[in-house]
Amino acid sequence: MKQFHTGIFFSLLLSLGLFSSCGQDAESKLLLNEVLVDNETNFQDDYGVHSAWIEIFNKSYGTADLAGCYLKHSSEAGDTAVYFIPKGDVLTKMPPRQHALFWADDKPNRGTFHTNFLLEADKENWIGLYDSGRKLLDQVTIPAGLLKADQSYARVDDAAAEWEVKDESPDKYVTPSTNNKTLDKNVKMENFEQHDSVGIGMSVTAMLVVFVGLILLYISFKFIGKASVRLRTTRAMKAKGITDREEAKEKMLGHAPGEVYAAISMALHEMQSDVHDVEETVLTITRVKRSYSPWSSKIYTLRETPQHTPHKK
């Protein structure tokens, strides 16, 4: 009984860990990543409207749920707007290393990702992200007049500590719902191509990987086969009451004849080839309720067999 209660206790703990939304572990997961205050020709929302937006980034390699979190905004001292991210929307679950975009348009009736406050371009904008326990996860302050139209204030790279102004230049462009820095080249691949322009090293490496894998598989299967034969032999010796392993080897205990393997192989071949008919294995029994009828009542049945009288002409 004690073990049963202990199992229930650990199951509840596991359930709380799996289904908690925006819990304490979110501190290491969710960050404010990019903010655009004055949207004139930039990204449009699902209603085709240009609105200010706030990007949140899940920097962890596990799923994070925004449901139950809070977004707070303040442009004046003592005036703070609070937006509660509602629960029940599957889109609030952020996959690993992905982004979520919230529209600061003061129209929360348009959906989960539309807040109840606006960002003001001519004032200082403070934005805070809180968990369900009102614990501050991340915050950012955009100074007044720092951003022009269609410029964003973003981290240099996703989850980086340093922030910068994205002004649509070739190396600093606005990136809603995507990585703050997109790499257009792979340094490792370029170095490999420089040192192995023909591709001989790549070919040799690929063949070595394949052959080493095959050798490891051969060794593994051989070891497993010997271990299984030894175990089968031991069980057969116990069943026959034999203690001498040499005697068991002479009697071929634990070794199945070739006919057995042939029969098993044939059965597997026929099963994979769909030789056998597929029969219905589901039986459905429906209870039929019959109402009473004098026609089916036993009290009206004939108790004596009528006698047959020949007809006289």
C-alpha atoms as a PDB file:
ATOM      1  CA  MET A   1       0.000   0.000   0.000  1.00  0.00           C
ATOM      2  CA  LYS A   2       2.900   2.313   0.827  1.00  0.00           C
ATOM      3  CA  GLN A   3       4.494   1.655  -2.569  1.00  0.00           C
ATOM      4  CA  PHE A   4       1.161   2.429  -4.245  1.00  0.00           C
ATOM      5  CA  HIS A   5       0.929   5.826  -2.511  1.00  0.00           C
ATOM      6  CA  THR A   6       4.546   6.575  -3.391  1.00  0.00           C
ATOM      7  CA  GLY A   7       3.861   5.812  -7.062  1.00  0.00           C
ATOM      8  CA  ILE A   8       0.864   8.141  -7.073  1.00  0.00           C
ATOM      9  CA  PHE A   9       2.952  10.906  -5.484  1.00  0.00           C
ATOM     10  CA  PHE A  10       5.714  10.681  -8.099  1.00  0.00           C
ATOM     11  CA  SER A  11       3.140  10.494 -10.909  1.00  0.00           C
ATOM     12  CA  LEU A  12       1.581  13.747  -9.714  1.00  0.00           C
ATOM     13  CA  LEU A  13       4.984  15.403  -9.575  1.00  0.00           C
ATOM     14  CA  LEU A  14       5.738  14.257 -13.126  1.00  0.00           C
ATOM     15  CA  SER A  15       2.369  15.498 -14.367  1.00  0.00           C
ATOM     16  CA  LEU A  16       2.931  18.904 -12.806  1.00  0.00           C
ATOM     17  CA  GLY A  17       6.325  19.107 -14.439  1.00  0.00           C
ATOM     18  CA  LEU A  18       5.005  18.188 -17.874  1.00  0.00           C
ATOM     19  CA  PHE A  19       1.825  20.252 -17.950  1.00  0.00           C
ATOM     20  CA  SER A  20       2.848  23.364 -16.017  1.00  0.00           C
ATOM     21  CA  SER A  21       2.484  26.463 -18.178  1.00  0.00           C
ATOM     22  CA  CYS A  22       5.015  29.249 -17.908  1.00  0.00           C
ATOM     23  CA  GLY A  23       6.317  27.787 -14.635  1.00  0.00           C
ATOM     24  CA  GLN A  24       9.486  28.472 -12.709  1.00  0.00           C
ATOM     25  CA  ASP A  25      11.699  26.748 -15.266  1.00  0.00           C
ATOM     26  CA  ALA A  26      10.586  29.322 -17.856  1.00  0.00           C
ATOM     27  CA  GLU A  27      13.207  31.699 -16.440  1.00  0.00           C
ATOM     28  CA  SER A  28      15.849  29.878 -18.446  1.00  0.00           C
ATOM     29  CA  LYS A  29      13.675  29.547 -21.536  1.00  0.00           C
ATOM     30  CA  LEU A  30      11.736  32.686 -22.511  1.00  0.00           C
ATOM     31  CA  LEU A  31      13.269  36.025 -23.487  1.00  0.00           C
ATOM     32  CA  LEU A  32      12.164  39.258 -25.135  1.00  0.00           C
ATOM     33  CA  ASN A  33      14.054  39.169 -28.411  1.00  0.00           C
ATOM     34  CA  GLU A  34      12.954  42.021 -30.693  1.00  0.00           C
ATOM     35  CA  VAL A  35      10.534  44.970 -30.576  1.00  0.00           C
ATOM     36  CA  LEU A  36       9.201  47.188 -33.372  1.00  0.00           C
ATOM     37  CA  VAL A  37       7.393  50.340 -32.188  1.00  0.00           C
ATOM     38  CA  ASP A  38       6.399  52.286 -35.317  1.00  0.00           C
ATOM     39  CA  ASN A  39       5.162  49.941 -38.047  1.00  0.00           C
ATOM     40  CA  GLU A  40       4.398  51.694 -41.325  1.00  0.00           C
ATOM     41  CA  THR A  41       5.320  49.223 -44.054  1.00  0.00           C
ATOM     42  CA  ASN A  42       6.740  46.298 -42.097  1.00  0.00           C
ATOM     43  CA  PHE A  43       5.132  42.975 -41.195  1.00  0.00           C
ATOM     44  CA  GLN A  44       1.319  42.760 -41.219  1.00  0.00           C
ATOM     45  CA  ASP A  45      -0.820  40.869 -38.744  1.00  0.00           C
ATOM     46  CA  ASP A  46      -3.476  38.286 -39.679  1.00  0.00           C
ATOM     47  CA  TYR A  47      -5.949  41.143 -40.281  1.00  0.00           C
ATOM     48  CA  GLY A  48      -3.669  42.906 -42.772  1.00  0.00           C
ATOM     49  CA  VAL A  49      -2.899  45.748 -40.329  1.00  0.00           C
ATOM     50  CA  HIS A  50       0.522  47.279 -39.650  1.00  0.00           C
ATOM     51  CA  SER A  51       0.880  47.294 -35.869  1.00  0.00           C
ATOM     52  CA  ALA A  52       3.718  47.395 -33.374  1.00  0.00           C
ATOM     53  CA  TRP A  53       4.925  43.965 -32.350  1.00  0.00           C
ATOM     54  CA  ILE A  54       6.924  42.189 -29.642  1.00  0.00           C
ATOM     55  CA  GLU A  55       8.917  39.037 -30.349  1.00  0.00           C
ATOM     56  CA  ILE A  56       9.551  36.384 -27.675  1.00  0.00           C
ATOM     57  CA  PHE A  57      12.216  33.708 -28.131  1.00  0.00           C
ATOM     58  CA  ASN A  58      12.425  30.244 -26.566  1.00  0.00           C
ATOM     59  CA  LYS A  59      16.160  29.800 -26.131  1.00  0.00           C
ATOM     60  CA  SER A  60      15.954  26.294 -24.675  1.00  0.00           C
ATOM     61  CA  TYR A  61      15.961  22.957 -26.492  1.00  0.00           C
ATOM     62  CA  GLY A  62      12.600  21.961 -25.010  1.00  0.00           C
ATOM     63  CA  THR A  63       9.034  23.150 -25.517  1.00  0.00           C
ATOM     64  CA  ALA A  64       7.944  26.211 -23.510  1.00  0.00           C
ATOM     65  CA  ASP A  65       4.336  27.279 -22.973  1.00  0.00           C
ATOM     66  CA  LEU A  66       3.478  30.983 -22.871  1.00  0.00           C
ATOM     67  CA  ALA A  67      -0.030  30.335 -21.545  1.00  0.00           C
ATOM     68  CA  GLY A  68      -0.423  31.944 -18.136  1.00  0.00           C
ATOM     69  CA  CYS A  69       2.449  34.407 -18.634  1.00  0.00           C
ATOM     70  CA  TYR A  70       2.062  38.182 -18.456  1.00  0.00           C
ATOM     71  CA  LEU A  71       3.229  40.967 -20.760  1.00  0.00           C
ATOM     72  CA  LYS A  72       3.488  44.359 -19.081  1.00  0.00           C
ATOM     73  CA  HIS A  73       4.017  47.741 -20.724  1.00  0.00           C
ATOM     74  CA  SER A  74       4.631  51.188 -19.347  1.00  0.00           C
ATOM     75  CA  SER A  75       5.378  54.504 -21.082  1.00  0.00           C
ATOM     76  CA  GLU A  76       4.798  56.716 -18.032  1.00  0.00           C
ATOM     77  CA  ALA A  77       5.610  56.323 -14.362  1.00  0.00           C
ATOM     78  CA  GLY A  78       2.767  54.650 -12.475  1.00  0.00           C
ATOM     79  CA  ASP A  79       0.888  53.738 -15.655  1.00  0.00           C
ATOM     80  CA  THR A  80       1.390  50.031 -16.411  1.00  0.00           C
ATOM     81  CA  ALA A  81      -0.765  47.905 -18.689  1.00  0.00           C
ATOM     82  CA  VAL A  82      -0.915  44.175 -17.987  1.00  0.00           C
ATOM     83  CA  TYR A  83      -1.801  41.564 -20.617  1.00  0.00           C
ATOM     84  CA  PHE A  84      -2.516  38.012 -19.452  1.00  0.00           C
ATOM     85  CA  ILE A  85      -1.701  35.446 -22.140  1.00  0.00           C
ATOM     86  CA  PRO A  86      -4.787  33.202 -22.060  1.00  0.00           C
ATOM     87  CA  LYS A  87      -4.703  29.434 -21.709  1.00  0.00           C
ATOM     88  CA  GLY A  88      -6.282  26.974 -24.103  1.00  0.00           C
ATOM     89  CA  ASP A  89      -4.532  28.052 -27.317  1.00  0.00           C
ATOM     90  CA  VAL A  90      -2.195  25.372 -28.670  1.00  0.00           C
ATOM     91  CA  LEU A  91      -0.182  28.053 -30.481  1.00  0.00           C
ATOM     92  CA  THR A  92       1.195  29.330 -27.177  1.00  0.00           C
ATOM     93  CA  LYS A  93       3.364  26.206 -26.975  1.00  0.00           C
ATOM     94  CA  MET A  94       6.697  27.274 -28.447  1.00  0.00           C
ATOM     95  CA  PRO A  95       8.938  24.592 -29.976  1.00  0.00           C
ATOM     96  CA  PRO A  96      12.659  24.653 -29.144  1.00  0.00           C
ATOM     97  CA  ARG A  97      14.600  27.682 -30.459  1.00  0.00           C
ATOM     98  CA  GLN A  98      11.491  29.241 -32.003  1.00  0.00           C
ATOM     99  CA  HIS A  99       9.792  32.657 -31.867  1.00  0.00           C
ATOM    100  CA  ALA A 100       6.340  34.021 -30.978  1.00  0.00           C
ATOM    101  CA  LEU A 101       5.050  37.395 -32.166  1.00  0.00           C
ATOM    102  CA  PHE A 102       2.604  39.534 -30.174  1.00  0.00           C
ATOM    103  CA  TRP A 103       0.846  42.524 -31.740  1.00  0.00           C
ATOM    104  CA  ALA A 104       0.673  45.607 -29.513  1.00  0.00           C
ATOM    105  CA  ASP A 105      -2.532  46.989 -31.078  1.00  0.00           C
ATOM    106  CA  ASP A 106      -4.846  47.287 -28.037  1.00  0.00           C
ATOM    107  CA  LYS A 107      -7.266  44.799 -29.610  1.00  0.00           C
ATOM    108  CA  PRO A 108      -7.179  41.660 -27.414  1.00  0.00           C
ATOM    109  CA  ASN A 109     -10.528  40.538 -28.847  1.00  0.00           C
ATOM    110  CA  ARG A 110      -8.733  39.705 -32.107  1.00  0.00           C
ATOM    111  CA  GLY A 111      -6.943  36.719 -30.640  1.00  0.00           C
ATOM    112  CA  THR A 112      -4.403  35.383 -28.196  1.00  0.00           C
ATOM    113  CA  PHE A 113      -1.484  37.225 -29.781  1.00  0.00           C
ATOM    114  CA  HIS A 114      -3.062  40.687 -29.706  1.00  0.00           C
ATOM    115  CA  THR A 115      -2.330  42.638 -26.514  1.00  0.00           C
ATOM    116  CA  ASN A 116      -4.411  45.229 -24.652  1.00  0.00           C
ATOM    117  CA  PHE A 117      -1.847  48.034 -24.936  1.00  0.00           C
ATOM    118  CA  LEU A 118      -0.086  50.166 -27.572  1.00  0.00           C
ATOM    119  CA  LEU A 119       3.576  51.099 -28.025  1.00  0.00           C
ATOM    120  CA  GLU A 120       4.141  54.841 -28.362  1.00  0.00           C
ATOM    121  CA  ALA A 121       6.887  55.984 -30.724  1.00  0.00           C
ATOM    122  CA  ASP A 122       7.393  59.399 -29.070  1.00  0.00           C
ATOM    123  CA  LYS A 123       7.710  58.005 -25.532  1.00  0.00           C
ATOM    124  CA  GLU A 124       9.943  55.596 -23.680  1.00  0.00           C
ATOM    125  CA  ASN A 125       8.559  52.057 -23.807  1.00  0.00           C
ATOM    126  CA  TRP A 126       9.269  49.583 -21.024  1.00  0.00           C
ATOM    127  CA  ILE A 127       8.203  45.972 -21.654  1.00  0.00           C
ATOM    128  CA  GLY A 128       8.360  43.146 -19.126  1.00  0.00           C
ATOM    129  CA  LEU A 129       7.699  39.425 -19.418  1.00  0.00           C
ATOM    130  CA  TYR A 130       6.467  37.647 -16.274  1.00  0.00           C
ATOM    131  CA  ASP A 131       5.655  34.045 -15.465  1.00  0.00           C
ATOM    132  CA  SER A 132       2.394  32.845 -13.934  1.00  0.00           C
ATOM    133  CA  GLY A 133       3.726  33.647 -10.465  1.00  0.00           C
ATOM    134  CA  ARG A 134       4.352  37.283 -11.452  1.00  0.00           C
ATOM    135  CA  LYS A 135       8.089  36.649 -11.451  1.00  0.00           C
ATOM    136  CA  LEU A 136      10.054  38.794 -13.890  1.00  0.00           C
ATOM    137  CA  LEU A 137      11.610  36.690 -16.664  1.00  0.00           C
ATOM    138  CA  ASP A 138      12.948  39.438 -18.916  1.00  0.00           C
ATOM    139  CA  GLN A 139      12.567  43.165 -19.575  1.00  0.00           C
ATOM    140  CA  VAL A 140      13.684  45.785 -22.068  1.00  0.00           C
ATOM    141  CA  THR A 141      13.437  49.561 -22.308  1.00  0.00           C
ATOM    142  CA  ILE A 142      13.315  51.347 -25.684  1.00  0.00           C
ATOM    143  CA  PRO A 143      14.331  55.004 -25.221  1.00  0.00           C
ATOM    144  CA  ALA A 144      12.109  57.697 -26.704  1.00  0.00           C
ATOM    145  CA  GLY A 145      13.109  58.726 -30.234  1.00  0.00           C
ATOM    146  CA  LEU A 146      15.583  55.881 -30.628  1.00  0.00           C
ATOM    147  CA  LEU A 147      13.685  54.124 -33.412  1.00  0.00           C
ATOM    148  CA  LYS A 148      12.459  55.535 -36.685  1.00  0.00           C
ATOM    149  CA  ALA A 149       9.586  54.067 -38.676  1.00  0.00           C
ATOM    150  CA  ASP A 150      10.002  50.347 -39.476  1.00  0.00           C
ATOM    151  CA  GLN A 151      13.122  50.067 -37.324  1.00  0.00           C
ATOM    152  CA  SER A 152      13.308  47.512 -34.509  1.00  0.00           C
ATOM    153  CA  TYR A 153      15.235  47.207 -31.277  1.00  0.00           C
ATOM    154  CA  ALA A 154      16.604  43.685 -31.090  1.00  0.00           C
ATOM    155  CA  ARG A 155      19.266  41.487 -29.642  1.00  0.00           C
ATOM    156  CA  VAL A 156      22.356  41.194 -31.841  1.00  0.00           C
ATOM    157  CA  ASP A 157      21.660  37.476 -32.077  1.00  0.00           C
ATOM    158  CA  ASP A 158      18.911  35.315 -30.614  1.00  0.00           C
ATOM    159  CA  ALA A 159      19.231  35.310 -26.799  1.00  0.00           C
ATOM    160  CA  ALA A 160      22.369  37.491 -26.934  1.00  0.00           C
ATOM    161  CA  ALA A 161      22.938  39.974 -24.119  1.00  0.00           C
ATOM    162  CA  GLU A 162      23.656  42.969 -26.383  1.00  0.00           C
ATOM    163  CA  TRP A 163      20.870  44.930 -28.116  1.00  0.00           C
ATOM    164  CA  GLU A 164      21.057  47.038 -31.288  1.00  0.00           C
ATOM    165  CA  VAL A 165      18.879  48.971 -33.712  1.00  0.00           C
ATOM    166  CA  LYS A 166      17.822  47.053 -36.822  1.00  0.00           C
ATOM    167  CA  ASP A 167      17.566  49.572 -39.651  1.00  0.00           C
ATOM    168  CA  GLU A 168      17.095  47.349 -42.724  1.00  0.00           C
ATOM    169  CA  SER A 169      20.769  47.623 -43.689  1.00  0.00           C
ATOM    170  CA  PRO A 170      22.326  44.512 -45.305  1.00  0.00           C
ATOM    171  CA  ASP A 171      23.721  43.249 -41.988  1.00  0.00           C
ATOM    172  CA  LYS A 172      21.041  44.687 -39.642  1.00  0.00           C
ATOM    173  CA  TYR A 173      17.595  43.939 -41.025  1.00  0.00           C
ATOM    174  CA  VAL A 174      14.314  43.534 -39.172  1.00  0.00           C
ATOM    175  CA  THR A 175      13.463  39.874 -38.576  1.00  0.00           C
ATOM    176  CA  PRO A 176       9.950  39.260 -37.170  1.00  0.00           C
ATOM    177  CA  SER A 177       9.308  35.617 -36.184  1.00  0.00           C
ATOM    178  CA  THR A 178      12.741  34.495 -37.338  1.00  0.00           C
ATOM    179  CA  ASN A 179      16.400  34.549 -36.278  1.00  0.00           C
ATOM    180  CA  ASN A 180      17.889  37.950 -35.528  1.00  0.00           C
ATOM    181  CA  LYS A 181      21.006  37.020 -37.429  1.00  0.00           C
ATOM    182  CA  THR A 182      20.853  34.800 -40.496  1.00  0.00           C
ATOM    183  CA  LEU A 183      24.098  33.195 -41.622  1.00  0.00           C
ATOM    184  CA  ASP A 184      24.538  33.182 -45.391  1.00  0.00           C
ATOM    185  CA  LYS A 185      27.639  30.993 -45.283  1.00  0.00           C
ATOM    186  CA  ASN A 186      29.065  28.099 -43.328  1.00  0.00           C
ATOM    187  CA  VAL A 187      32.655  28.681 -42.244  1.00  0.00           C
ATOM    188  CA  LYS A 188      33.346  25.002 -41.514  1.00  0.00           C
ATOM    189  CA  MET A 189      32.122  23.918 -44.937  1.00  0.00           C
ATOM    190  CA  GLU A 190      34.183  26.579 -46.655  1.00  0.00           C
ATOM    191  CA  ASN A 191      37.320  25.520 -44.774  1.00  0.00           C
ATOM    192  CA  PHE A 192      36.688  21.865 -45.624  1.00  0.00           C
ATOM    193  CA  GLU A 193      36.188  22.736 -49.286  1.00  0.00           C
ATOM    194  CA  GLN A 194      39.394  24.755 -49.273  1.00  0.00           C
ATOM    195  CA  HIS A 195      41.462  21.872 -47.906  1.00  0.00           C
ATOM    196  CA  ASP A 196      39.696  19.141 -49.905  1.00  0.00           C
ATOM    197  CA  SER A 197      38.586  20.686 -53.177  1.00  0.00           C
ATOM    198  CA  VAL A 198      38.448  17.348 -55.050  1.00  0.00           C
ATOM    199  CA  GLY A 199      36.478  15.499 -52.378  1.00  0.00           C
ATOM    200  CA  ILE A 200      38.863  12.600 -51.754  1.00  0.00           C
ATOM    201  CA  GLY A 201      38.891  13.187 -48.014  1.00  0.00           C
ATOM    202  CA  MET A 202      35.091  13.206 -47.886  1.00  0.00           C
ATOM    203  CA  SER A 203      34.895   9.942 -49.843  1.00  0.00           C
ATOM    204  CA  VAL A 204      37.466   8.187 -47.670  1.00  0.00           C
ATOM    205  CA  THR A 205      35.759   9.424 -44.505  1.00  0.00           C
ATOM    206  CA  ALA A 206      32.339   8.218 -45.691  1.00  0.00           C
ATOM    207  CA  MET A 207      33.666   4.750 -46.593  1.00  0.00           C
ATOM    208  CA  LEU A 208      35.478   4.437 -43.268  1.00  0.00           C
ATOM    209  CA  VAL A 209      32.297   5.305 -41.404  1.00  0.00           C
ATOM    210  CA  VAL A 210      30.332   2.683 -43.349  1.00  0.00           C
ATOM    211  CA  PHE A 211      32.903  -0.082 -42.931  1.00  0.00           C
ATOM    212  CA  VAL A 212      33.450   0.641 -39.231  1.00  0.00           C
ATOM    213  CA  GLY A 213      29.683   0.536 -38.722  1.00  0.00           C
ATOM    214  CA  LEU A 214      29.421  -2.822 -40.510  1.00  0.00           C
ATOM    215  CA  ILE A 215      32.271  -4.272 -38.444  1.00  0.00           C
ATOM    216  CA  LEU A 216      30.647  -3.115 -35.218  1.00  0.00           C
ATOM    217  CA  LEU A 217      27.333  -4.644 -36.304  1.00  0.00           C
ATOM    218  CA  TYR A 218      29.047  -7.945 -37.130  1.00  0.00           C
ATOM    219  CA  ILE A 219      30.757  -8.063 -33.739  1.00  0.00           C
ATOM    220  CA  SER A 220      27.535  -7.143 -31.936  1.00  0.00           C
ATOM    221  CA  PHE A 221      25.429  -9.788 -33.697  1.00  0.00           C
ATOM    222  CA  LYS A 222      28.105 -12.439 -33.201  1.00  0.00           C
ATOM    223  CA  PHE A 223      28.342 -11.698 -29.494  1.00  0.00           C
ATOM    224  CA  ILE A 224      24.560 -11.655 -29.090  1.00  0.00           C
ATOM    225  CA  GLY A 225      24.252 -14.953 -31.017  1.00  0.00           C
ATOM    226  CA  LYS A 226      26.811 -16.714 -28.862  1.00  0.00           C
ATOM    227  CA  ALA A 227      25.234 -15.372 -25.687  1.00  0.00           C
ATOM    228  CA  SER A 228      21.766 -16.523 -26.751  1.00  0.00           C
ATOM    229  CA  VAL A 229      23.044 -20.033 -27.668  1.00  0.00           C
ATOM    230  CA  ARG A 230      24.853 -20.319 -24.344  1.00  0.00           C
ATOM    231  CA  LEU A 231      21.746 -19.233 -22.456  1.00  0.00           C
ATOM    232  CA  ARG A 232      19.566 -21.680 -24.404  1.00  0.00           C
ATOM    233  CA  THR A 233      22.045 -24.473 -23.727  1.00  0.00           C
ATOM    234  CA  THR A 234      22.068 -23.695 -20.014  1.00  0.00           C
ATOM    235  CA  ARG A 235      18.276 -23.851 -19.856  1.00  0.00           C
ATOM    236  CA  ALA A 236      18.230 -27.130 -21.798  1.00  0.00           C
ATOM    237  CA  MET A 237      20.834 -28.612 -19.431  1.00  0.00           C
ATOM    238  CA  LYS A 238      18.703 -27.681 -16.435  1.00  0.00           C
ATOM    239  CA  ALA A 239      15.646 -29.221 -18.057  1.00  0.00           C
ATOM    240  CA  LYS A 240      17.505 -32.488 -18.856  1.00  0.00           C
ATOM    241  CA  GLY A 241      19.397 -32.589 -15.561  1.00  0.00           C
ATOM    242  CA  ILE A 242      22.811 -32.517 -17.250  1.00  0.00           C
ATOM    243  CA  THR A 243      25.710 -30.710 -15.553  1.00  0.00           C
ATOM    244  CA  ASP A 244      28.557 -31.535 -17.946  1.00  0.00           C
ATOM    245  CA  ARG A 245      28.751 -28.964 -20.731  1.00  0.00           C
ATOM    246  CA  GLU A 246      30.770 -31.300 -22.989  1.00  0.00           C
ATOM    247  CA  GLU A 247      28.010 -33.881 -22.774  1.00  0.00           C
ATOM    248  CA  ALA A 248      25.464 -31.208 -23.598  1.00  0.00           C
ATOM    249  CA  LYS A 249      27.592 -30.182 -26.572  1.00  0.00           C
ATOM    250  CA  GLU A 250      27.679 -33.755 -27.864  1.00  0.00           C
ATOM    251  CA  LYS A 251      23.900 -34.043 -27.546  1.00  0.00           C
ATOM    252  CA  MET A 252      23.491 -30.671 -29.312  1.00  0.00           C
ATOM    253  CA  LEU A 253      21.408 -29.249 -26.495  1.00  0.00           C
ATOM    254  CA  GLY A 254      20.244 -25.719 -27.220  1.00  0.00           C
ATOM    255  CA  HIS A 255      20.956 -26.037 -30.950  1.00  0.00           C
ATOM    256  CA  ALA A 256      17.905 -26.017 -33.147  1.00  0.00           C
ATOM    257  CA  PRO A 257      18.122 -28.084 -36.357  1.00  0.00           C
ATOM    258  CA  GLY A 258      18.145 -26.402 -39.725  1.00  0.00           C
ATOM    259  CA  GLU A 259      14.602 -27.541 -40.463  1.00  0.00           C
ATOM    260  CA  VAL A 260      13.312 -25.338 -37.638  1.00  0.00           C
ATOM    261  CA  TYR A 261      14.985 -22.229 -39.039  1.00  0.00           C
ATOM    262  CA  ALA A 262      13.714 -23.111 -42.511  1.00  0.00           C
ATOM    263  CA  ALA A 263      10.137 -23.427 -41.233  1.00  0.00           C
ATOM    264  CA  ILE A 264      10.392 -20.099 -39.378  1.00  0.00           C
ATOM    265  CA  SER A 265      11.818 -18.377 -42.457  1.00  0.00           C
ATOM    266  CA  MET A 266       9.072 -19.766 -44.657  1.00  0.00           C
ATOM    267  CA  ALA A 267       6.389 -18.631 -42.203  1.00  0.00           C
ATOM    268  CA  LEU A 268       7.855 -15.110 -42.100  1.00  0.00           C
ATOM    269  CA  HIS A 269       8.066 -15.033 -45.895  1.00  0.00           C
ATOM    270  CA  GLU A 270       4.441 -16.067 -46.302  1.00  0.00           C
ATOM    271  CA  MET A 271       3.325 -13.534 -43.723  1.00  0.00           C
ATOM    272  CA  GLN A 272       5.178 -10.688 -45.467  1.00  0.00           C
ATOM    273  CA  SER A 273       3.924 -11.800 -48.880  1.00  0.00           C
ATOM    274  CA  ASP A 274       0.267 -11.670 -47.740  1.00  0.00           C
ATOM    275  CA  VAL A 275      -0.374 -15.251 -48.831  1.00  0.00           C
ATOM    276  CA  HIS A 276      -2.860 -15.906 -46.050  1.00  0.00           C
ATOM    277  CA  ASP A 277      -6.398 -14.617 -46.148  1.00  0.00           C
ATOM    278  CA  VAL A 278      -7.270 -11.689 -43.941  1.00  0.00           C
ATOM    279  CA  GLU A 279     -10.218 -12.646 -41.802  1.00  0.00           C
ATOM    280  CA  GLU A 280     -12.429 -10.453 -39.730  1.00  0.00           C
ATOM    281  CA  THR A 281     -11.614 -10.982 -36.048  1.00  0.00           C
ATOM    282  CA  VAL A 282     -14.129  -8.577 -34.538  1.00  0.00           C
ATOM    283  CA  LEU A 283     -17.387 -10.004 -33.283  1.00  0.00           C
ATOM    284  CA  THR A 284     -20.273  -7.629 -32.684  1.00  0.00           C
ATOM    285  CA  ILE A 285     -23.111  -8.825 -30.457  1.00  0.00           C
ATOM    286  CA  THR A 286     -26.196  -6.646 -30.354  1.00  0.00           C
ATOM    287  CA  ARG A 287     -28.851  -7.305 -27.750  1.00  0.00           C
ATOM    288  CA  VAL A 288     -32.330  -7.191 -29.321  1.00  0.00           C
ATOM    289  CA  LYS A 289     -35.269  -6.381 -27.075  1.00  0.00           C
ATOM    290  CA  ARG A 290     -38.438  -8.097 -28.214  1.00  0.00           C
ATOM    291  CA  SER A 291     -41.789  -6.804 -27.022  1.00  0.00           C
ATOM    292  CA  TYR A 292     -44.463  -9.244 -25.822  1.00  0.00           C
ATOM    293  CA  SER A 293     -46.852 -10.581 -28.427  1.00  0.00           C
ATOM    294  CA  PRO A 294     -49.646 -13.177 -28.098  1.00  0.00           C
ATOM    295  CA  TRP A 295     -48.445 -14.720 -31.302  1.00  0.00           C
ATOM    296  CA  SER A 296     -45.204 -15.760 -29.603  1.00  0.00           C
ATOM    297  CA  SER A 297     -46.668 -16.636 -26.175  1.00  0.00           C
ATOM    298  CA  LYS A 298     -46.232 -20.213 -25.011  1.00  0.00           C
ATOM    299  CA  ILE A 299     -49.681 -20.359 -23.405  1.00  0.00           C
ATOM    300  CA  TYR A 300     -51.302 -20.415 -26.818  1.00  0.00           C
ATOM    301  CA  THR A 301     -49.297 -23.313 -28.158  1.00  0.00           C
ATOM    302  CA  LEU A 302     -50.980 -26.615 -29.029  1.00  0.00           C
ATOM    303  CA  ARG A 303     -50.508 -29.201 -26.283  1.00  0.00           C
ATOM    304  CA  GLU A 304     -51.807 -32.167 -28.288  1.00  0.00           C
ATOM    305  CA  THR A 305     -50.958 -33.182 -31.783  1.00  0.00           C
ATOM    306  CA  PRO A 306     -54.128 -32.993 -33.922  1.00  0.00           C
ATOM    307  CA  GLN A 307     -55.310 -36.248 -35.352  1.00  0.00           C
ATOM    308  CA  HIS A 308     -55.551 -36.547 -39.056  1.00  0.00           C
ATOM    309  CA  THR A 309     -58.924 -37.803 -40.292  1.00  0.00           C
ATOM    310  CA  PRO A 310     -59.090 -39.085 -43.851  1.00  0.00           C
ATOM    311  CA  HIS A 311     -61.483 -37.183 -46.039  1.00  0.00           C
ATOM    312  CA  LYS A 312     -64.360 -39.335 -47.364  1.00  0.00           C
ATOM    313  CA  LYS A 313     -65.484 -38.673 -50.841  1.00  0.00           C
END
